[in-house]
C-alpha atoms as a PDB file:
ATOM      1  CA  MET A   1      74.348  63.223  21.109  1.00  0.00           C
ATOM      2  CA  LEU A   2      72.361  60.401  19.937  1.00  0.00           C
ATOM      3  CA  GLY A   3      70.825  58.152  22.514  1.00  0.00           C
ATOM      4  CA  CYS A   4      70.215  54.439  22.165  1.00  0.00           C
ATOM      5  CA  GLU A   5      66.672  53.513  21.361  1.00  0.00           C
ATOM      6  CA  GLU A   6      65.301  50.007  21.631  1.00  0.00           C
ATOM      7  CA  ILE A   7      63.584  48.892  18.451  1.00  0.00           C
ATOM      8  CA  GLU A   8      60.823  46.370  18.859  1.00  0.00           C
ATOM      9  CA  GLU A   9      60.872  43.569  16.370  1.00  0.00           C
ATOM     10  CA  PRO A  10      57.543  42.875  14.629  1.00  0.00           C
ATOM     11  CA  LYS A  11      55.710  39.926  16.087  1.00  0.00           C
ATOM     12  CA  PRO A  12      54.777  37.155  13.686  1.00  0.00           C
ATOM     13  CA  TRP A  13      51.188  36.807  12.689  1.00  0.00           C
ATOM     14  CA  ILE A  14      49.364  34.116  14.594  1.00  0.00           C
ATOM     15  CA  ARG A  15      46.867  32.263  12.474  1.00  0.00           C
ATOM     16  CA  VAL A  16      43.656  31.664  14.331  1.00  0.00           C
ATOM     17  CA  GLU A  17      41.560  28.784  13.091  1.00  0.00           C
ATOM     18  CA  ARG A  18      38.017  29.828  12.494  1.00  0.00           C
ATOM     19  CA  PRO A  19      35.132  27.816  11.199  1.00  0.00           C
ATOM     20  CA  GLN A  20      34.268  28.207   7.575  1.00  0.00           C
ATOM     21  CA  MET A  21      30.580  28.333   8.430  1.00  0.00           C
ATOM     22  CA  LEU A  22      29.212  29.780  11.648  1.00  0.00           C
ATOM     23  CA  PHE A  23      25.642  30.519  12.634  1.00  0.00           C
ATOM     24  CA  THR A  24      24.773  31.818  16.072  1.00  0.00           C
ATOM     25  CA  ASP A  25      21.078  32.285  15.517  1.00  0.00           C
ATOM     26  CA  THR A  26      18.162  29.924  15.033  1.00  0.00           C
ATOM     27  CA  THR A  27      18.927  27.662  12.100  1.00  0.00           C
ATOM     28  CA  LEU A  28      16.780  25.006  10.459  1.00  0.00           C
ATOM     29  CA  LEU A  29      18.013  21.962   8.547  1.00  0.00           C
ATOM     30  CA  ASP A  30      15.508  19.722   6.743  1.00  0.00           C
ATOM     31  CA  SER A  31      15.857  16.115   5.621  1.00  0.00           C
ATOM     32  CA  TYR A  32      13.626  14.690   2.891  1.00  0.00           C
ATOM     33  CA  ASP A  33      12.907  11.130   1.845  1.00  0.00           C
ATOM     34  CA  LYS A  34      11.526  10.793  -1.684  1.00  0.00           C
ATOM     35  CA  GLY A  35      10.314  14.354  -1.591  1.00  0.00           C
ATOM     36  CA  VAL A  36       8.596  14.021   1.787  1.00  0.00           C
ATOM     37  CA  LEU A  37       9.870  15.835   4.873  1.00  0.00           C
ATOM     38  CA  ASN A  38      10.866  13.321   7.554  1.00  0.00           C
ATOM     39  CA  TRP A  39      13.277  15.196   9.898  1.00  0.00           C
ATOM     40  CA  ARG A  40      13.667  18.897  10.732  1.00  0.00           C
ATOM     41  CA  LEU A  41      16.572  19.944  12.935  1.00  0.00           C
ATOM     42  CA  LYS A  42      16.530  23.258  14.769  1.00  0.00           C
ATOM     43  CA  THR A  43      19.533  24.681  16.619  1.00  0.00           C
ATOM     44  CA  ALA A  44      20.844  27.965  18.010  1.00  0.00           C
ATOM     45  CA  TYR A  45      24.493  27.365  17.129  1.00  0.00           C
ATOM     46  CA  LEU A  46      25.971  25.741  14.023  1.00  0.00           C
ATOM     47  CA  GLU A  47      29.549  25.573  12.822  1.00  0.00           C
ATOM     48  CA  ARG A  48      31.451  23.837  10.052  1.00  0.00           C
ATOM     49  CA  TRP A  49      35.193  23.733   9.559  1.00  0.00           C
ATOM     50  CA  ALA A  50      36.846  23.969   6.168  1.00  0.00           C
ATOM     51  CA  ASP A  51      38.673  20.644   6.295  1.00  0.00           C
ATOM     52  CA  LYS A  52      35.727  18.693   7.599  1.00  0.00           C
ATOM     53  CA  GLU A  53      32.369  17.722   6.262  1.00  0.00           C
ATOM     54  CA  ILE A  54      30.969  17.501   9.777  1.00  0.00           C
ATOM     55  CA  VAL A  55      28.577  20.136  11.057  1.00  0.00           C
ATOM     56  CA  THR A  56      28.417  20.653  14.823  1.00  0.00           C
ATOM     57  CA  VAL A  57      25.243  21.959  16.400  1.00  0.00           C
ATOM     58  CA  ARG A  58      24.092  22.758  19.910  1.00  0.00           C
ATOM     59  CA  PRO A  59      21.540  22.306  21.245  1.00  0.00           C
ATOM     60  CA  VAL A  60      19.601  19.806  19.152  1.00  0.00           C
ATOM     61  CA  PHE A  61      15.849  19.917  18.564  1.00  0.00           C
ATOM     62  CA  VAL A  62      14.517  17.472  15.972  1.00  0.00           C
ATOM     63  CA  ASP A  63      10.924  17.187  14.785  1.00  0.00           C
ATOM     64  CA  ILE A  64      10.086  13.824  13.204  1.00  0.00           C
ATOM     65  CA  TYR A  65       7.347  13.503  10.558  1.00  0.00           C
ATOM     66  CA  ASP A  66       5.403  10.560   9.147  1.00  0.00           C
ATOM     67  CA  SER A  67       4.914   9.596   5.504  1.00  0.00           C
ATOM     68  CA  VAL A  68       2.177  12.208   4.984  1.00  0.00           C
ATOM     69  CA  GLY A  69       4.114  15.067   6.569  1.00  0.00           C
ATOM     70  CA  GLU A  70       2.475  15.072  10.010  1.00  0.00           C
ATOM     71  CA  ARG A  71       4.660  15.699  13.068  1.00  0.00           C
ATOM     72  CA  VAL A  72       4.574  12.535  15.159  1.00  0.00           C
ATOM     73  CA  ALA A  73       7.640  12.641  17.457  1.00  0.00           C
ATOM     74  CA  PHE A  74      10.537  14.806  18.550  1.00  0.00           C
ATOM     75  CA  LEU A  75      14.058  14.478  19.941  1.00  0.00           C
ATOM     76  CA  ARG A  76      16.284  16.848  21.883  1.00  0.00           C
ATOM     77  CA  ALA A  77      19.856  16.719  23.163  1.00  0.00           C
ATOM     78  CA  ASP A  78      22.636  18.961  24.420  1.00  0.00           C
ATOM     79  CA  SER A  79      24.763  18.648  21.282  1.00  0.00           C
ATOM     80  CA  GLY A  80      24.896  16.905  17.964  1.00  0.00           C
ATOM     81  CA  SER A  81      26.743  16.426  14.709  1.00  0.00           C
ATOM     82  CA  LEU A  82      25.810  15.625  11.131  1.00  0.00           C
ATOM     83  CA  ASP A  83      27.267  15.761   7.648  1.00  0.00           C
ATOM     84  CA  MET A  84      26.393  18.259   4.940  1.00  0.00           C
ATOM     85  CA  LYS A  85      24.330  15.703   3.031  1.00  0.00           C
ATOM     86  CA  PHE A  86      22.247  14.955   6.113  1.00  0.00           C
ATOM     87  CA  THR A  87      22.912  11.202   5.825  1.00  0.00           C
ATOM     88  CA  TYR A  88      23.133  10.835   9.596  1.00  0.00           C
ATOM     89  CA  VAL A  89      22.414  12.728  12.806  1.00  0.00           C
ATOM     90  CA  TYR A  90      24.295  11.936  15.998  1.00  0.00           C
ATOM     91  CA  ALA A  91      22.773  13.415  19.169  1.00  0.00           C
ATOM     92  CA  TYR A  92      24.569  13.158  22.516  1.00  0.00           C
ATOM     93  CA  GLY A  93      24.252  14.505  26.031  1.00  0.00           C
ATOM     94  CA  HIS A  94      20.952  14.124  27.943  1.00  0.00           C
ATOM     95  CA  VAL A  95      19.122  12.724  24.941  1.00  0.00           C
ATOM     96  CA  TYR A  96      15.348  12.714  25.289  1.00  0.00           C
ATOM     97  CA  ALA A  97      12.815  11.510  22.707  1.00  0.00           C
ATOM     98  CA  LEU A  98       9.041  11.152  22.685  1.00  0.00           C
ATOM     99  CA  THR A  99       7.447   8.489  20.497  1.00  0.00           C
ATOM    100  CA  PRO A 100       4.133   8.827  18.627  1.00  0.00           C
ATOM    101  CA  LYS A 101       2.408   6.522  21.139  1.00  0.00           C
ATOM    102  CA  GLY A 102       3.551   8.585  24.108  1.00  0.00           C
ATOM    103  CA  ALA A 103       6.565   6.573  25.291  1.00  0.00           C
ATOM    104  CA  SER A 104       9.632   8.556  26.357  1.00  0.00           C
ATOM    105  CA  VAL A 105      13.222   7.492  25.669  1.00  0.00           C
ATOM    106  CA  ARG A 106      16.269   8.696  27.596  1.00  0.00           C
ATOM    107  CA  ALA A 107      19.816   7.784  26.600  1.00  0.00           C
ATOM    108  CA  ASP A 108      23.362   9.079  26.537  1.00  0.00           C
ATOM    109  CA  SER A 109      23.317   9.183  22.734  1.00  0.00           C
ATOM    110  CA  LEU A 110      21.237   8.294  19.699  1.00  0.00           C
ATOM    111  CA  LEU A 111      22.342   7.859  16.093  1.00  0.00           C
ATOM    112  CA  TRP A 112      20.002   8.106  13.108  1.00  0.00           C
ATOM    113  CA  ASN A 113      21.319   6.701   9.843  1.00  0.00           C
ATOM    114  CA  LYS A 114      19.461   7.603   6.677  1.00  0.00           C
ATOM    115  CA  LYS A 115      20.758   4.538   4.847  1.00  0.00           C
ATOM    116  CA  ASP A 116      18.790   2.025   6.940  1.00  0.00           C
ATOM    117  CA  ASN A 117      16.398   4.652   8.375  1.00  0.00           C
ATOM    118  CA  LEU A 118      16.929   3.386  11.927  1.00  0.00           C
ATOM    119  CA  VAL A 119      17.649   5.046  15.261  1.00  0.00           C
ATOM    120  CA  LYS A 120      20.262   3.162  17.300  1.00  0.00           C
ATOM    121  CA  THR A 121      22.479   3.395  20.332  1.00  0.00           C
ATOM    122  CA  ALA A 122      24.854   1.069  22.165  1.00  0.00           C
ATOM    123  CA  SER A 123      24.608   3.034  25.412  1.00  0.00           C
ATOM    124  CA  TYR A 124      22.358   2.660  28.416  1.00  0.00           C
ATOM    125  CA  VAL A 125      18.726   3.513  27.681  1.00  0.00           C
ATOM    126  CA  ARG A 126      15.593   4.000  29.757  1.00  0.00           C
ATOM    127  CA  VAL A 127      12.102   3.861  28.285  1.00  0.00           C
ATOM    128  CA  VAL A 128       8.831   4.806  29.985  1.00  0.00           C
ATOM    129  CA  SER A 129       5.934   3.386  27.985  1.00  0.00           C
ATOM    130  CA  GLU A 130       2.553   5.008  27.432  1.00  0.00           C
ATOM    131  CA  ASP A 131       1.145   2.730  30.170  1.00  0.00           C
ATOM    132  CA  GLY A 132       3.703   3.887  32.734  1.00  0.00           C
ATOM    133  CA  ASP A 133       5.928   0.792  32.535  1.00  0.00           C
ATOM    134  CA  VAL A 134       9.637   1.471  33.041  1.00  0.00           C
ATOM    135  CA  LEU A 135      12.064  -0.546  30.895  1.00  0.00           C
ATOM    136  CA  GLN A 136      15.823  -0.146  30.909  1.00  0.00           C
ATOM    137  CA  GLY A 137      18.801  -1.899  29.436  1.00  0.00           C
ATOM    138  CA  VAL A 138      21.764  -1.608  27.118  1.00  0.00           C
ATOM    139  CA  GLY A 139      21.306  -0.900  23.437  1.00  0.00           C
ATOM    140  CA  PHE A 140      18.300   0.494  21.592  1.00  0.00           C
ATOM    141  CA  GLU A 141      16.911   0.210  18.071  1.00  0.00           C
ATOM    142  CA  SER A 142      13.899   1.860  16.480  1.00  0.00           C
ATOM    143  CA  ASP A 143      12.500   3.013  13.169  1.00  0.00           C
ATOM    144  CA  ALA A 144      12.963   6.636  12.167  1.00  0.00           C
ATOM    145  CA  GLN A 145       9.539   7.621  13.555  1.00  0.00           C
ATOM    146  CA  LEU A 146      10.297   5.965  16.949  1.00  0.00           C
ATOM    147  CA  ASP A 147       7.090   3.983  16.496  1.00  0.00           C
ATOM    148  CA  ASN A 148       8.502   0.447  16.761  1.00  0.00           C
ATOM    149  CA  TRP A 149      11.416   0.086  19.134  1.00  0.00           C
ATOM    150  CA  LYS A 150      13.238  -2.527  21.234  1.00  0.00           C
ATOM    151  CA  ILE A 151      15.911  -2.701  23.934  1.00  0.00           C
ATOM    152  CA  LEU A 152      18.692  -5.061  22.925  1.00  0.00           C
ATOM    153  CA  SER A 153      20.150  -6.558  26.131  1.00  0.00           C
ATOM    154  CA  ASP A 154      20.161  -6.579  29.957  1.00  0.00           C
ATOM    155  CA  VAL A 155      16.501  -5.608  30.029  1.00  0.00           C
ATOM    156  CA  THR A 156      14.809  -5.000  33.385  1.00  0.00           C
ATOM    157  CA  GLY A 157      11.499  -3.338  34.066  1.00  0.00           C
ATOM    158  CA  ILE A 158       8.772  -2.240  36.408  1.00  0.00           C
ATOM    159  CA  PHE A 159       5.201  -2.852  35.269  1.00  0.00           C
ATOM    160  CA  GLN A 160       2.206  -0.944  36.556  1.00  0.00           C
ATOM    161  CA  ASP A 161      -0.823  -2.973  37.740  1.00  0.00           C
ATOM    162  CA  ALA A 162       0.675  -6.132  36.271  1.00  0.00           C
ATOM    163  CA  ALA A 163      -1.842  -8.532  37.870  1.00  0.00           C
ATOM    164  CA  LYS A 164      -4.874  -6.540  36.752  1.00  0.00           C
ATOM    165  CA  ARG A 165      -3.519  -6.115  33.234  1.00  0.00           C
ATOM    166  CA  MET A 166      -2.830  -9.843  32.956  1.00  0.00           C
ATOM    167  CA  LYS A 167      -6.411 -10.616  33.963  1.00  0.00           C
ATOM    168  CA  ASP A 168      -7.724  -8.103  31.440  1.00  0.00           C
ATOM    169  CA  GLU A 169      -5.534  -9.627  28.758  1.00  0.00           C
ATOM    170  CA  ASP A 170      -6.829 -13.109  29.591  1.00  0.00           C
ATOM    171  CA  LYS A 171     -10.402 -11.840  29.308  1.00  0.00           C
ATOM    172  CA  ARG A 172      -9.671 -10.253  25.929  1.00  0.00           C
ATOM    173  CA  GLN A 173      -8.124 -13.478  24.655  1.00  0.00           C
ATOM    174  CA  ALA A 174     -11.058 -15.539  25.902  1.00  0.00           C
ATOM    175  CA  GLU A 175     -13.506 -13.149  24.233  1.00  0.00           C
ATOM    176  CA  ALA A 176     -11.522 -13.295  20.985  1.00  0.00           C
ATOM    177  CA  GLU A 177     -11.551 -17.103  21.045  1.00  0.00           C
ATOM    178  CA  ARG A 178     -15.288 -17.105  21.712  1.00  0.00           C
ATOM    179  CA  LEU A 179     -15.904 -14.833  18.733  1.00  0.00           C
ATOM    180  CA  ASN A 180     -13.615 -16.880  16.485  1.00  0.00           C
ATOM    181  CA  ASN A 181     -15.159 -20.205  17.562  1.00  0.00           C
ATOM    182  CA  PRO A 182     -18.900 -19.624  18.110  1.00  0.00           C
ATOM    183  CA  PRO A 183     -20.943 -22.489  19.666  1.00  0.00           C
ATOM    184  CA  PRO A 184     -23.040 -24.614  17.234  1.00  0.00           C
ATOM    185  CA  SER A 185     -26.625 -23.502  16.662  1.00  0.00           C
ATOM    186  CA  SER A 186     -29.715 -25.507  17.751  1.00  0.00           C
ATOM    187  CA  SER A 187     -30.381 -26.742  14.207  1.00  0.00           C
ATOM    188  CA  SER A 188     -26.858 -28.099  13.897  1.00  0.00           C
ATOM    189  CA  GLN A 189     -27.214 -29.793  17.283  1.00  0.00           C
ATOM    190  CA  ALA A 190     -30.461 -31.472  16.146  1.00  0.00           C
ATOM    191  CA  THR A 191     -28.765 -32.619  12.945  1.00  0.00           C
ATOM    192  CA  SER A 192     -25.798 -33.993  14.817  1.00  0.00           C
ATOM    193  CA  SER A 193     -28.073 -35.846  17.279  1.00  0.00           C
ATOM    194  CA  ALA A 194     -29.964 -37.505  14.380  1.00  0.00           C
ATOM    195  CA  LYS A 195     -26.771 -38.894  12.888  1.00  0.00           C
ATOM    196  CA  PRO A 196     -26.093 -42.608  13.555  1.00  0.00           C
ATOM    197  CA  THR A 197     -23.382 -43.549  15.938  1.00  0.00           C
ATOM    198  CA  SER A 198     -19.987 -44.463  14.688  1.00  0.00           C
ATOM    199  CA  SER A 199     -19.308 -47.925  13.324  1.00  0.00           C
ATOM    200  CA  SER A 200     -17.009 -48.658  16.244  1.00  0.00           C
ATOM    201  CA  GLN A 201     -19.974 -48.702  18.612  1.00  0.00           C
ATOM    202  CA  THR A 202     -21.947 -52.008  18.338  1.00  0.00           C
ATOM    203  CA  PRO A 203     -25.708 -51.420  18.542  1.00  0.00           C
ATOM    204  CA  SER A 204     -27.357 -53.166  21.465  1.00  0.00           C
ATOM    205  CA  LYS A 205     -29.352 -56.289  20.552  1.00  0.00           C
ATOM    206  CA  PRO A 206     -32.942 -56.596  21.763  1.00  0.00           C
ATOM    207  CA  ALA A 207     -33.491 -58.983  24.639  1.00  0.00           C
ATOM    208  CA  PRO A 208     -34.611 -62.431  23.421  1.00  0.00           C
ATOM    209  CA  GLN A 209     -38.279 -63.111  23.960  1.00  0.00           C
ATOM    210  CA  ALA A 210     -39.372 -66.247  25.752  1.00  0.00           C
ATOM    211  CA  GLN A 211     -40.326 -68.974  23.254  1.00  0.00           C
ATOM    212  CA  PRO A 212     -43.245 -71.294  24.201  1.00  0.00           C
ATOM    213  CA  GLN A 213     -42.064 -74.822  25.060  1.00  0.00           C
ATOM    214  CA  PRO A 214     -43.282 -77.298  22.401  1.00  0.00           C
ATOM    215  CA  THR A 215     -45.352 -80.159  23.799  1.00  0.00           C
ATOM    216  CA  SER A 216     -45.139 -83.743  22.514  1.00  0.00           C
ATOM    217  CA  ARG A 217     -47.320 -84.507  19.567  1.00  0.00           C
ATOM    218  CA  ALA A 218     -48.861 -87.537  21.183  1.00  0.00           C
ATOM    219  CA  SER A 219     -49.907 -85.777  24.332  1.00  0.00           C
ATOM    220  CA  SER A 220     -51.141 -82.759  22.456  1.00  0.00           C
ATOM    221  CA  ALA A 221     -53.051 -85.030  20.091  1.00  0.00           C
ATOM    222  CA  SER A 222     -54.580 -86.987  22.894  1.00  0.00           C
ATOM    223  CA  GLN A 223     -55.642 -83.846  24.642  1.00  0.00           C
ATOM    224  CA  ALA A 224     -56.874 -81.993  21.611  1.00  0.00           C
ATOM    225  CA  ALA A 225     -58.375 -84.751  19.396  1.00  0.00           C
ATOM    226  CA  PRO A 226     -61.924 -85.980  20.365  1.00  0.00           C
ATOM    227  CA  ALA A 227     -62.616 -89.630  20.962  1.00  0.00           C
ATOM    228  CA  ALA A 228     -63.879 -91.534  17.951  1.00  0.00           C
ATOM    229  CA  LYS A 229     -67.329 -93.101  18.197  1.00  0.00           C
ATOM    230  CA  GLY A 230     -67.336 -96.746  19.230  1.00  0.00           C
ATOM    231  CA  VAL A 231     -63.630 -96.735  20.025  1.00  0.00           C
ATOM    232  CA  SER A 232     -62.590 -97.022  23.629  1.00  0.00           C
ATOM    233  CA  MET A 233     -59.649 -94.927  24.710  1.00  0.00           C
ATOM    234  CA  SER A 234     -59.046 -96.958  27.865  1.00  0.00           C
ATOM    235  CA  SER A 235     -56.088 -99.228  28.391  1.00  0.00           C
ATOM    236  CA  ALA A 236     -58.136-102.390  29.101  1.00  0.00           C
ATOM    237  CA  ALA A 237     -57.015-105.802  27.970  1.00  0.00           C
ATOM    238  CA  PRO A 238     -57.940-106.798  24.461  1.00  0.00           C
ATOM    239  CA  ALA A 239     -60.873-109.102  23.735  1.00  0.00           C
ATOM    240  CA  SER A 240     -60.544-112.905  24.116  1.00  0.00           C
ATOM    241  CA  ASN A 241     -61.056-113.547  20.477  1.00  0.00           C
ATOM    242  CA  ALA A 242     -57.860-111.700  19.723  1.00  0.00           C
ATOM    243  CA  ALA A 243     -55.064-113.785  18.309  1.00  0.00           C
ATOM    244  CA  PRO A 244     -52.534-114.948  20.912  1.00  0.00           C
ATOM    245  CA  LYS A 245     -49.137-113.405  20.870  1.00  0.00           C
ATOM    246  CA  PRO A 246     -46.312-115.702  19.759  1.00  0.00           C
ATOM    247  CA  HIS A 247     -44.005-117.031  22.445  1.00  0.00           C
ATOM    248  CA  ARG A 248     -40.623-115.440  22.807  1.00  0.00           C
ATOM    249  CA  ALA A 249     -37.908-117.405  21.063  1.00  0.00           C
ATOM    250  CA  LEU A 250     -35.442-119.258  23.281  1.00  0.00           C
ATOM    251  CA  HIS A 251     -31.875-119.487  22.242  1.00  0.00           C
ATOM    252  CA  GLY A 252     -32.737-118.229  18.856  1.00  0.00           C
ATOM    253  CA  LEU A 253     -35.270-121.062  18.128  1.00  0.00           C
ATOM    254  CA  PRO A 254     -38.964-120.621  18.136  1.00  0.00           C
ATOM    255  CA  PHE A 255     -40.765-122.644  20.819  1.00  0.00           C
ATOM    256  CA  GLN A 256     -43.047-125.332  19.354  1.00  0.00           C
ATOM    257  CA  PRO A 257     -45.276-127.392  21.678  1.00  0.00           C
ATOM    258  CA  LYS A 258     -44.925-131.157  21.340  1.00  0.00           C
ATOM    259  CA  ALA A 259     -47.818-133.320  20.322  1.00  0.00           C
ATOM    260  CA  GLY A 260     -48.877-135.419  23.242  1.00  0.00           C
ATOM    261  CA  LYS A 261     -51.674-136.268  25.297  1.00  0.00           C
ATOM    262  CA  PRO A 262     -54.254-133.640  25.618  1.00  0.00           C
END
């Protein structure tokens, strides 16, 4: 007798999507600008899917180099993505960067675009400067070397030793102004003192000197001239032999004595 036997039907093949490129060991990706190394990305996991040009990496460690190939800054994050041509790098998750001057940057994400060679983010950012100042706000923009940066909006901060630093800055500015505008030398002061005053200032006139009062010529002559010999200077009456003075005219007619008895 033949017994019934259950025949299992073949199960269909299940297609499992796998990345076209997968690296699970330390991998380095370099970016060059005009033949000079500017970024080097190091990661422990890298994958790329066939239908995408995006490469996913985690974690992210980026060394940043200057124009002569010296390492000046670095960036790290939990994860990141980039394209095969390395035209951009997007780092996200506990992003931390250290600038060449010693300032540290913390953000939720940072995007580097090779086209404009800038590092940007629209997320919240916190920066601790090399002097210990704490600045925070929304939005961040910097050059590729993280050397010149700015926070875009809602900026608040805490400044260390602000009063002392302001005084020091005032002293430096005063010293710079003194060096740029030195005081005139002694020779120039002597020259300037010898210059005449401006035309607007009227020179003071000397005080008038007292002039001697002129005396009358007659009195001065009588006092100074000596008496002539034989001439009396007294006011005595003239001699009797002098001619008599004519009588004063009356009513316009001269007075003539009538002939009469003597």
